[in-house]
Structure formats: structure tokens, C-alpha cells
Amino acid sequence: MPPGFTAEVFARGLTHPTALAFGPDGRLYVAEQGGEIVTVAPNSASPAAFANGYPTPLGLAWLGQTLFIAAQGQLDSLELAGTSAAAPTRVLTGLPFGEHQQDGIAIGPNGRLYLGSGSTCDVCTESSPYSAAVLSFNPNGSDLQVFASGLRNPYALAFQPGTGRLYADVNGQDNLGGPFDPEPADMLVHIQLGANYGWPRCWPNARQLTMDGQCQGVTQPATYLPPHAAPTGMVFYTGGSFPAADRGALFIAEYGSSFSYDRTGQDVEEVRLGPDGTAPISAVTVFATGFQHPTAIVVDPSGALLVADYGTGIIYRIQAKGRQ
């Protein structure tokens, strides 16, 4: 934990949490790997059931009274009826999935939804334009578009307050590097309409911090992240309790490498973006450690960060010292 901050357990008893979102009723909603959507209260060890039956739900987002849930091959919506869920609506179906699937959701300033849709493989030529892409569509699922492409696994999406820029953290491919030369880097990208980010022909070089391969016409990343760190959830800090230098920063939960030789990730990184929307590698720092596999992160109403640990089923609360 960095100096000036404290960490405590916010809630226990979750089964592989994958996504977090505060609802319009003030409750914290959590997606679990097994297909359940639950709510948790502070200091609770017994999550309350809300909905279930979603194959590997990895994304949650609220638009008014409607909860959107991204799962394998689909996106559903649920209306909040009191404290319960009304019957679900299938918004999108038949989306491709395989090695990766449908990931994080973001609500755009224009009211459209944006969805990360991972590749079906490590490295291949996809048969569907809806793979390895960020998709955009209306809340009812109409006008589905490929907003950006060349993104192997765009896991989390977040709009930067004040600028409207859309960012995604991207998990890099597995077939490069080795024990003494882990490659490639993961990356943070500024998602722009019509842009291509290189996969599968171009990748971020972790040693040189450049893009390698066949990279003509490829949009450069906003910054580079550690190789194989597996960035998952991310959030811009919008609270008022952290020190001024941390306000507006981007916090990224990194699940951690699956390679025994590469011990990257398993932490929360802080990225301080410049006015142009990019960050030098010196502006990417480890903010918090001590997790097994952090997967999701949100800012709570008091300005604290809540970090869900997939490995322990615990949600941790990180707050500046002297603040509640």
C-alpha cells in the first residue's frame, strides 16, 4: 500500500468476482464467474442473489434503472424493479467467442453502449468483424457497429471525465517471448472511431516500447503496460478524498501473468495521462499490491477505491488516510 493510504476488507464470501458496478439504488452489484449477479453490503460475508444464468459474465454497466450484463456471446439487460430484477432482455446475441469473449461495457456520453469483444484465438485471422474489436450500439441493440479493431482482448473500457476520450486496456498475445525476454507488453489504448490497433500482425514490444511487426496504419497505444500482466478492470478516479496528484488518474486492476516465469501483474497500476491523452512509461506506476488476482475496480461514493480479488473472493477498500 502506498504511503498515505489504508486498505481494509469491504466484503467477503464472493465466488470469483469479475465485475463491479454501483446501481441507482446505491447498492454494489458484483458479477461472479459462475454466472451469478449479486449485491454486497459493507462488512458483509453473505452476498445477496440478484440474477443468475449468465455464462461467464465479465461486464456490468448501469444506464438509469437498467443493468447491462456482458457474457459469452451475448449482452442482456435487466430492469431494476424495487430491489429485484425484472425479466431479462437479450440485447445482443450470436457474438463470437472462443479463447476470449465479450468483456467490459461503457456508457458513452452520446447514450450509446461500447463493448469490448475479445478474439477467439491467441493469433489468427478472424472470420467475424465482431471479434478483437470494440463494438458500439444503441441500448436496445440496434445499429451495431465495429467502432475500432485490431484489439486482441480489449478487457475494460472507460471514458475519461472532461474529455470524453474512450480507453481500453488490452491483453497481448501469448506466443512471443520467453523466460529471459517476456514479450509482448500489454497496453492502454485511446479508442478512436475506425482505428486499427494492430492485432494480429503488429504488437507492443515490451523492451523497446515501440510497436513491432507489420504496423503500417496502426494507431499507437496511449501507453505500455507490463508484459502478460493481464489488465482487467479499470476506472478513472472521480472522487475527492485522494491527494490532488491522484485525482483524474486511471487505476487498472491487473489479474497477473499465467506464465510461471513472468511474475507481472497481481496489482493495481496507476496511470497519469497527459493533456494529449498519452502517458510516458514513467507515469505508469504500481499503486497497490498484495492481491491474488485483482479483476474489477470502482470508486465508491466516499471516494475510496474498491478492488475485487478473483482469487480470494474479497473486495478491498483503499482510502486516503484520515478519510472515511
Protein backbone atom coordinates (compact mmCIF):
# COMPACT_ATOMS: atom_id res chain seq x y z
CA MET A 1 0.00 0.00 0.00
CA PRO A 2 1.47 3.41 -0.89
CA PRO A 3 2.22 5.87 1.92
CA GLY A 4 -0.81 7.91 2.87
CA PHE A 5 -3.37 5.18 2.15
CA THR A 6 -5.06 2.41 4.12
CA ALA A 7 -6.70 -0.82 2.98
CA GLU A 8 -9.46 -2.81 4.64
CA VAL A 9 -11.83 -5.61 3.73
CA PHE A 10 -15.09 -4.24 2.34
CA ALA A 11 -16.85 -7.59 1.76
CA ARG A 12 -16.11 -11.33 1.71
CA GLY A 13 -17.73 -14.52 0.51
CA LEU A 14 -17.74 -13.91 -3.24
CA THR A 15 -17.02 -16.68 -5.74
CA HIS A 16 -14.53 -15.42 -8.31
CA PRO A 17 -15.80 -11.84 -8.77
CA THR A 18 -15.29 -10.49 -12.29
CA ALA A 19 -17.04 -7.09 -12.46
CA LEU A 20 -18.35 -4.35 -10.15
CA ALA A 21 -20.91 -1.57 -10.65
CA PHE A 22 -22.85 0.68 -8.31
CA GLY A 23 -26.57 0.72 -9.09
CA PRO A 24 -29.00 3.65 -9.00
CA ASP A 25 -30.20 2.31 -5.62
CA GLY A 26 -26.71 2.75 -4.14
CA ARG A 27 -26.05 -0.98 -3.87
CA LEU A 28 -22.84 -2.53 -5.18
CA TYR A 29 -23.52 -5.17 -7.84
CA VAL A 30 -20.99 -7.91 -8.49
CA ALA A 31 -20.71 -10.42 -11.34
CA GLU A 32 -19.33 -13.83 -10.41
CA GLN A 33 -17.54 -16.22 -12.78
CA GLY A 34 -20.18 -18.93 -12.34
CA GLY A 35 -22.96 -16.78 -13.80
CA GLU A 36 -24.47 -15.06 -10.76
CA ILE A 37 -25.09 -11.35 -10.25
CA VAL A 38 -25.17 -10.49 -6.55
CA THR A 39 -25.22 -7.43 -4.32
CA VAL A 40 -22.93 -6.87 -1.37
CA ALA A 41 -23.11 -4.56 1.62
CA PRO A 42 -20.18 -3.15 3.60
CA ASN A 43 -18.70 -5.64 6.08
CA SER A 44 -20.80 -8.44 4.61
CA ALA A 45 -19.73 -12.06 4.14
CA SER A 46 -23.03 -13.14 2.54
CA PRO A 47 -23.74 -11.72 -0.93
CA ALA A 48 -27.43 -11.39 -1.81
CA ALA A 49 -28.66 -13.02 -5.03
CA PHE A 50 -29.97 -10.69 -7.75
CA ALA A 51 -29.85 -12.64 -11.05
CA ASN A 52 -28.19 -15.75 -12.46
CA GLY A 53 -27.68 -17.91 -15.53
CA TYR A 54 -25.09 -15.80 -17.36
CA PRO A 55 -22.22 -17.75 -18.98
CA THR A 56 -19.04 -16.11 -17.62
CA PRO A 57 -20.29 -12.55 -17.06
CA LEU A 58 -17.35 -10.15 -17.35
CA GLY A 59 -19.03 -6.76 -17.80
CA LEU A 60 -21.61 -4.74 -15.85
CA ALA A 61 -22.87 -1.21 -16.53
CA TRP A 62 -25.91 0.78 -15.41
CA LEU A 63 -27.89 3.18 -17.61
CA GLY A 64 -30.62 4.67 -15.45
CA GLN A 65 -32.60 1.78 -13.97
CA THR A 66 -31.22 -0.73 -16.49
CA LEU A 67 -28.30 -3.07 -15.80
CA PHE A 68 -26.40 -4.35 -18.84
CA ILE A 69 -24.55 -7.67 -18.48
CA ALA A 70 -21.90 -8.88 -20.92
CA ALA A 71 -21.42 -12.65 -21.06
CA GLN A 72 -20.17 -15.24 -23.55
CA GLY A 73 -21.67 -14.43 -26.93
CA GLN A 74 -24.34 -12.10 -25.61
CA LEU A 75 -25.37 -8.90 -23.89
CA ASP A 76 -28.51 -8.78 -21.70
CA SER A 77 -30.35 -6.05 -19.88
CA LEU A 78 -32.29 -6.18 -16.61
CA GLU A 79 -34.65 -3.54 -15.28
CA LEU A 80 -34.50 -2.80 -11.58
CA ALA A 81 -37.93 -3.37 -10.01
CA GLY A 82 -37.71 -2.24 -6.40
CA THR A 83 -34.83 -4.33 -5.09
CA SER A 84 -35.38 -7.18 -7.57
CA ALA A 85 -34.67 -7.78 -11.24
CA ALA A 86 -37.40 -7.84 -13.84
CA ALA A 87 -37.29 -10.42 -16.64
CA PRO A 88 -34.10 -10.10 -18.71
CA THR A 89 -34.00 -8.84 -22.29
CA ARG A 90 -31.49 -10.22 -24.77
CA VAL A 91 -29.93 -7.12 -26.35
CA LEU A 92 -27.25 -8.82 -28.46
CA THR A 93 -26.79 -12.48 -29.28
CA GLY A 94 -24.62 -14.65 -31.52
CA LEU A 95 -21.41 -12.73 -30.85
CA PRO A 96 -18.24 -14.75 -31.48
CA PHE A 97 -16.22 -16.10 -28.58
CA GLY A 98 -13.51 -18.70 -28.00
CA GLU A 99 -10.21 -18.10 -26.23
CA HIS A 100 -11.67 -14.71 -25.27
CA GLN A 101 -15.19 -13.35 -25.18
CA GLN A 102 -17.31 -10.26 -24.52
CA ASP A 103 -15.75 -8.15 -21.77
CA GLY A 104 -16.28 -4.69 -20.29
CA ILE A 105 -19.09 -2.26 -21.07
CA ALA A 106 -19.03 1.54 -21.06
CA ILE A 107 -21.89 4.02 -21.44
CA GLY A 108 -20.93 6.79 -23.83
CA PRO A 109 -21.73 10.50 -23.44
CA ASN A 110 -23.91 10.09 -26.54
CA GLY A 111 -26.03 7.40 -24.82
CA ARG A 112 -24.60 4.57 -26.94
CA LEU A 113 -23.06 1.47 -25.38
CA TYR A 114 -19.50 0.32 -26.05
CA LEU A 115 -18.44 -3.29 -25.59
CA GLY A 116 -15.04 -4.96 -25.66
CA SER A 117 -15.19 -8.15 -27.74
CA GLY A 118 -12.09 -10.34 -27.49
CA SER A 119 -10.50 -12.56 -30.12
CA THR A 120 -11.47 -16.21 -30.45
CA CYS A 121 -7.79 -17.26 -30.50
CA ASP A 122 -4.30 -16.18 -29.49
CA VAL A 123 -3.17 -15.20 -33.01
CA CYS A 124 -5.26 -15.86 -36.11
CA THR A 125 -7.33 -14.30 -38.87
CA GLU A 126 -10.84 -13.89 -37.50
CA SER A 127 -13.91 -14.79 -39.54
CA SER A 128 -16.12 -12.21 -37.83
CA PRO A 129 -15.51 -8.43 -37.70
CA TYR A 130 -17.10 -8.51 -34.23
CA SER A 131 -14.04 -10.30 -32.80
CA ALA A 132 -10.98 -8.44 -31.47
CA ALA A 133 -12.88 -5.19 -31.56
CA VAL A 134 -14.75 -2.54 -29.64
CA LEU A 135 -18.40 -2.55 -30.65
CA SER A 136 -20.90 0.30 -30.41
CA PHE A 137 -24.69 0.11 -30.44
CA ASN A 138 -27.89 1.63 -29.11
CA PRO A 139 -29.19 0.46 -25.72
CA ASN A 140 -31.80 -1.69 -27.47
CA GLY A 141 -29.08 -3.42 -29.52
CA SER A 142 -29.83 -1.64 -32.79
CA ASP A 143 -27.23 -0.09 -35.09
CA LEU A 144 -24.44 -2.47 -34.07
CA GLN A 145 -21.12 -1.16 -35.40
CA VAL A 146 -17.44 -2.05 -35.22
CA PHE A 147 -16.06 1.11 -33.60
CA ALA A 148 -12.38 0.03 -33.55
CA SER A 149 -10.48 -3.14 -34.46
CA GLY A 150 -7.15 -4.92 -34.10
CA LEU A 151 -7.62 -5.41 -30.35
CA ARG A 152 -6.75 -8.94 -29.19
CA ASN A 153 -8.63 -8.71 -25.91
CA PRO A 154 -9.96 -5.23 -25.01
CA TYR A 155 -10.98 -6.17 -21.49
CA ALA A 156 -12.10 -2.99 -19.72
CA LEU A 157 -13.46 0.25 -21.17
CA ALA A 158 -13.68 3.67 -19.52
CA PHE A 159 -14.50 7.19 -20.64
CA GLN A 160 -12.20 9.92 -19.32
CA PRO A 161 -14.23 12.59 -17.49
CA GLY A 162 -13.94 16.02 -19.04
CA THR A 163 -12.53 14.88 -22.38
CA GLY A 164 -14.93 12.13 -23.48
CA ARG A 165 -11.99 10.01 -24.61
CA LEU A 166 -12.66 6.27 -24.54
CA TYR A 167 -9.86 4.00 -23.29
CA ALA A 168 -9.40 0.23 -23.28
CA ASP A 169 -6.79 -1.95 -21.59
CA VAL A 170 -5.66 -4.71 -23.95
CA ASN A 171 -4.21 -8.15 -23.16
CA GLY A 172 -1.36 -9.04 -25.53
CA GLN A 173 -0.72 -12.33 -27.31
CA ASP A 174 0.93 -15.37 -25.70
CA ASN A 175 3.18 -16.74 -28.45
CA LEU A 176 6.06 -14.27 -28.10
CA GLY A 177 8.93 -14.00 -25.66
CA GLY A 178 10.27 -16.47 -23.13
CA PRO A 179 11.73 -16.84 -19.65
CA PHE A 180 14.51 -14.29 -20.24
CA ASP A 181 12.63 -11.99 -22.59
CA PRO A 182 8.92 -11.72 -21.73
CA GLU A 183 7.00 -10.28 -24.65
CA PRO A 184 4.79 -8.58 -25.69
CA ALA A 185 3.67 -5.70 -23.50
CA ASP A 186 0.05 -5.25 -22.64
CA MET A 187 -1.21 -1.79 -23.49
CA LEU A 188 -3.64 1.02 -22.82
CA VAL A 189 -5.20 2.48 -25.94
CA HIS A 190 -7.29 5.55 -26.72
CA ILE A 191 -10.15 4.06 -28.70
CA GLN A 192 -10.93 6.11 -31.79
CA LEU A 193 -13.59 5.55 -34.44
CA GLY A 194 -12.26 3.45 -37.31
CA ALA A 195 -8.80 2.95 -35.78
CA ASN A 196 -6.87 -0.31 -36.01
CA TYR A 197 -4.53 -1.26 -33.13
CA GLY A 198 -2.51 -3.92 -34.86
CA TRP A 199 -3.51 -7.42 -33.76
CA PRO A 200 -2.61 -9.98 -35.06
CA ARG A 201 0.13 -8.52 -37.32
CA CYS A 202 1.57 -5.85 -35.02
CA TRP A 203 2.28 -5.95 -31.29
CA PRO A 204 3.73 -3.77 -28.48
CA ASN A 205 7.42 -4.50 -27.79
CA ALA A 206 7.95 -4.53 -24.01
CA ARG A 207 11.71 -3.86 -24.15
CA GLN A 208 11.76 -1.11 -26.75
CA LEU A 209 8.32 0.38 -26.03
CA THR A 210 7.52 0.50 -29.72
CA MET A 211 5.12 -1.35 -31.99
CA ASP A 212 6.71 -4.30 -33.84
CA GLY A 213 5.67 -6.35 -36.85
CA GLN A 214 3.59 -5.18 -39.78
CA CYS A 215 2.47 -1.89 -38.29
CA GLN A 216 1.60 0.34 -41.24
CA GLY A 217 -1.60 2.24 -40.47
CA VAL A 218 -1.69 1.04 -36.84
CA THR A 219 -2.74 3.53 -34.16
CA GLN A 220 -0.16 3.87 -31.39
CA PRO A 221 -1.09 2.96 -27.79
CA ALA A 222 -1.63 5.63 -25.15
CA THR A 223 0.96 3.82 -23.03
CA TYR A 224 2.55 0.43 -22.45
CA LEU A 225 1.77 -1.91 -19.55
CA PRO A 226 3.87 -4.80 -18.17
CA PRO A 227 4.04 -7.91 -20.39
CA HIS A 228 1.38 -10.53 -19.67
CA ALA A 229 0.08 -8.54 -16.67
CA ALA A 230 -3.49 -9.25 -17.91
CA PRO A 231 -5.15 -5.89 -17.21
CA THR A 232 -8.82 -6.35 -16.42
CA GLY A 233 -10.91 -3.71 -14.64
CA MET A 234 -10.11 -0.01 -14.78
CA VAL A 235 -11.61 3.25 -13.57
CA PHE A 236 -10.82 6.95 -13.71
CA TYR A 237 -10.59 8.39 -10.23
CA THR A 238 -13.51 10.81 -9.83
CA GLY A 239 -13.59 11.03 -6.03
CA GLY A 240 -12.43 13.91 -3.87
CA SER A 241 -10.66 12.18 -0.99
CA PHE A 242 -7.38 11.11 -2.66
CA PRO A 243 -4.46 13.55 -2.88
CA ALA A 244 -4.67 16.05 -5.71
CA ALA A 245 -1.98 14.26 -7.74
CA ASP A 246 -4.14 11.11 -7.93
CA ARG A 247 -7.37 12.81 -8.94
CA GLY A 248 -8.26 12.14 -12.54
CA ALA A 249 -5.73 9.29 -12.75
CA LEU A 250 -6.62 5.95 -14.28
CA PHE A 251 -6.41 2.90 -11.99
CA ILE A 252 -6.08 -0.53 -13.60
CA ALA A 253 -6.51 -3.91 -11.89
CA GLU A 254 -4.09 -6.46 -13.33
CA TYR A 255 -5.01 -10.12 -12.90
CA GLY A 256 -1.42 -11.29 -13.35
CA SER A 257 0.62 -13.43 -15.70
CA SER A 258 -0.27 -17.08 -16.30
CA PHE A 259 3.38 -17.82 -17.15
CA SER A 260 5.43 -19.24 -14.29
CA TYR A 261 8.50 -17.28 -15.39
CA ASP A 262 6.72 -13.93 -15.64
CA ARG A 263 5.53 -12.55 -12.30
CA THR A 264 3.95 -9.39 -13.64
CA GLY A 265 0.59 -8.06 -12.55
CA GLN A 266 -1.42 -9.13 -9.50
CA ASP A 267 -1.56 -5.46 -8.55
CA VAL A 268 -3.30 -2.16 -9.21
CA GLU A 269 -1.45 0.22 -11.53
CA GLU A 270 -1.90 3.98 -11.64
CA VAL A 271 -1.61 5.78 -14.98
CA ARG A 272 -1.37 9.58 -15.11
CA LEU A 273 -2.33 10.64 -18.62
CA GLY A 274 -1.09 13.91 -20.07
CA PRO A 275 -3.22 16.57 -21.80
CA ASP A 276 -2.73 14.80 -25.14
CA GLY A 277 -4.24 11.59 -23.73
CA THR A 278 -0.99 9.60 -23.60
CA ALA A 279 1.46 8.74 -20.82
CA PRO A 280 5.20 8.01 -20.78
CA ILE A 281 6.20 4.77 -19.12
CA SER A 282 7.38 6.81 -16.11
CA ALA A 283 3.75 7.80 -15.50
CA VAL A 284 2.72 4.13 -15.10
CA THR A 285 3.37 3.04 -11.52
CA VAL A 286 2.31 0.28 -9.14
CA PHE A 287 -0.28 1.72 -6.75
CA ALA A 288 -1.26 -1.27 -4.59
CA THR A 289 -0.10 -4.87 -4.17
CA GLY A 290 -0.95 -7.90 -2.03
CA PHE A 291 -3.74 -9.35 -4.16
CA GLN A 292 -4.02 -12.83 -5.63
CA HIS A 293 -5.81 -11.83 -8.84
CA PRO A 294 -7.47 -8.39 -8.83
CA THR A 295 -10.12 -8.22 -11.55
CA ALA A 296 -12.50 -5.29 -11.05
CA ILE A 297 -12.28 -1.80 -9.61
CA VAL A 298 -14.71 1.06 -8.91
CA VAL A 299 -14.79 4.34 -7.00
CA ASP A 300 -17.27 4.29 -4.10
CA PRO A 301 -19.40 7.30 -3.04
CA SER A 302 -16.85 8.30 -0.37
CA GLY A 303 -14.02 8.44 -2.92
CA ALA A 304 -12.36 5.16 -1.94
CA LEU A 305 -11.29 2.53 -4.47
CA LEU A 306 -12.96 -0.87 -4.23
CA VAL A 307 -10.90 -3.70 -5.70
CA ALA A 308 -12.34 -7.19 -6.23
CA ASP A 309 -9.91 -10.10 -5.89
CA TYR A 310 -10.88 -13.06 -8.07
CA GLY A 311 -8.54 -15.35 -6.14
CA THR A 312 -9.80 -14.69 -2.60
CA GLY A 313 -13.41 -13.62 -3.17
CA ILE A 314 -12.70 -10.44 -1.18
CA ILE A 315 -13.44 -6.84 -2.11
CA TYR A 316 -10.84 -4.48 -0.63
CA ARG A 317 -11.42 -0.80 0.12
CA ILE A 318 -8.48 1.60 -0.37
CA GLN A 319 -8.82 5.10 1.06
CA ALA A 320 -6.57 8.02 1.84
CA LYS A 321 -5.50 8.14 5.48
CA GLY A 322 -7.69 10.32 7.65
CA ARG A 323 -10.69 9.94 5.31
CA GLN A 324 -13.74 7.76 5.93
